Protein backbone atom coordinates (compact mmCIF):
# COMPACT_ATOMS: atom_id res chain seq x y z
CA MET A 1 -26.33 47.32 98.53
CA ILE A 2 -26.31 49.37 95.58
CA MET A 3 -23.42 50.68 93.60
CA GLU A 4 -23.37 54.02 92.51
CA LYS A 5 -22.35 54.88 89.57
CA VAL A 6 -21.50 58.14 88.20
CA ILE A 7 -21.16 58.84 84.17
CA ASP A 8 -19.53 62.69 83.93
CA ALA A 9 -20.11 63.35 80.07
CA ARG A 10 -19.75 66.84 80.53
CA GLY A 11 -18.41 68.16 77.46
CA LEU A 12 -19.27 65.71 75.64
CA SER A 13 -21.42 66.14 72.52
CA CYS A 14 -24.78 63.70 71.65
CA PRO A 15 -24.53 60.80 70.90
CA GLN A 16 -21.39 60.34 73.64
CA PRO A 17 -23.01 60.83 76.69
CA VAL A 18 -26.19 58.94 75.41
CA LEU A 19 -23.86 55.91 74.45
CA MET A 20 -22.12 56.22 77.64
CA THR A 21 -25.55 55.90 79.17
CA LEU A 22 -26.68 52.83 77.49
CA ASN A 23 -23.69 50.90 78.03
CA LYS A 24 -23.12 51.37 81.45
CA ILE A 25 -27.09 50.22 81.79
CA LYS A 26 -26.32 47.23 80.19
CA SER A 27 -23.24 46.35 82.44
CA LEU A 28 -25.54 47.59 85.67
CA LYS A 29 -29.33 45.96 84.68
CA LYS A 30 -30.46 47.41 87.54
CA GLY A 31 -29.50 50.05 90.81
CA GLU A 32 -28.95 53.43 90.74
CA LEU A 33 -26.47 55.74 88.35
CA ILE A 34 -25.68 59.36 88.39
CA ILE A 35 -25.01 61.35 84.75
CA LYS A 36 -23.60 64.80 84.65
CA VAL A 37 -24.31 66.37 81.10
CA ASP A 38 -24.15 70.10 79.90
CA THR A 39 -26.53 70.52 77.39
CA GLU A 40 -30.18 70.97 77.54
CA THR A 41 -30.21 68.43 74.31
CA SER A 42 -28.09 65.90 76.14
CA LYS A 43 -30.15 65.96 79.45
CA GLU A 44 -33.46 64.84 77.13
CA ASN A 45 -31.60 62.45 75.06
CA VAL A 46 -30.04 60.60 77.97
CA SER A 47 -33.11 60.67 79.81
CA ARG A 48 -35.27 59.34 77.01
CA ALA A 49 -32.60 56.62 76.39
CA ALA A 50 -32.84 55.62 79.80
CA GLU A 51 -36.31 55.34 79.73
CA SER A 52 -36.52 53.70 76.70
CA GLN A 53 -34.46 50.81 79.03
CA GLY A 54 -36.85 50.57 81.57
CA TRP A 55 -34.93 53.09 83.74
CA LYS A 56 -36.92 56.08 85.64
CA VAL A 57 -35.54 59.31 85.71
CA ALA A 58 -35.62 59.83 89.79
CA ASP A 59 -34.19 63.05 89.92
CA LEU A 60 -32.69 66.00 87.80
CA ILE A 61 -30.69 68.78 89.28
CA SER A 62 -30.35 71.88 86.97
CA GLU A 63 -26.89 73.68 88.24
CA GLY A 64 -26.29 77.02 85.54
CA SER A 65 -25.96 75.13 82.32
CA GLU A 66 -24.76 71.68 84.03
CA TYR A 67 -27.47 68.83 84.60
CA THR A 68 -27.46 65.89 87.02
CA ILE A 69 -29.94 63.18 86.43
CA THR A 70 -30.43 60.51 88.48
CA ILE A 71 -31.49 57.24 87.46
CA LYS A 72 -32.80 53.80 88.91
CA LYS A 73 -33.84 50.52 88.01
CA ASP A 74 -35.45 47.71 90.76
């Protein structure tokens, strides 16, 4: 069973969303993680950081100025 984890980094400026994501990735090792951010820069940086750790961006939902990024690793 895969536990779904959510990081709400809305309202935080970089590098905080990236650091939160990387810390969670380290503790999870694999599975699915959802990150919520509210800037284009955070969306890009979080996606790039996740991919650099071997995770894939599985889904990206844009709602106004908010982004929901789903990353996965098997």
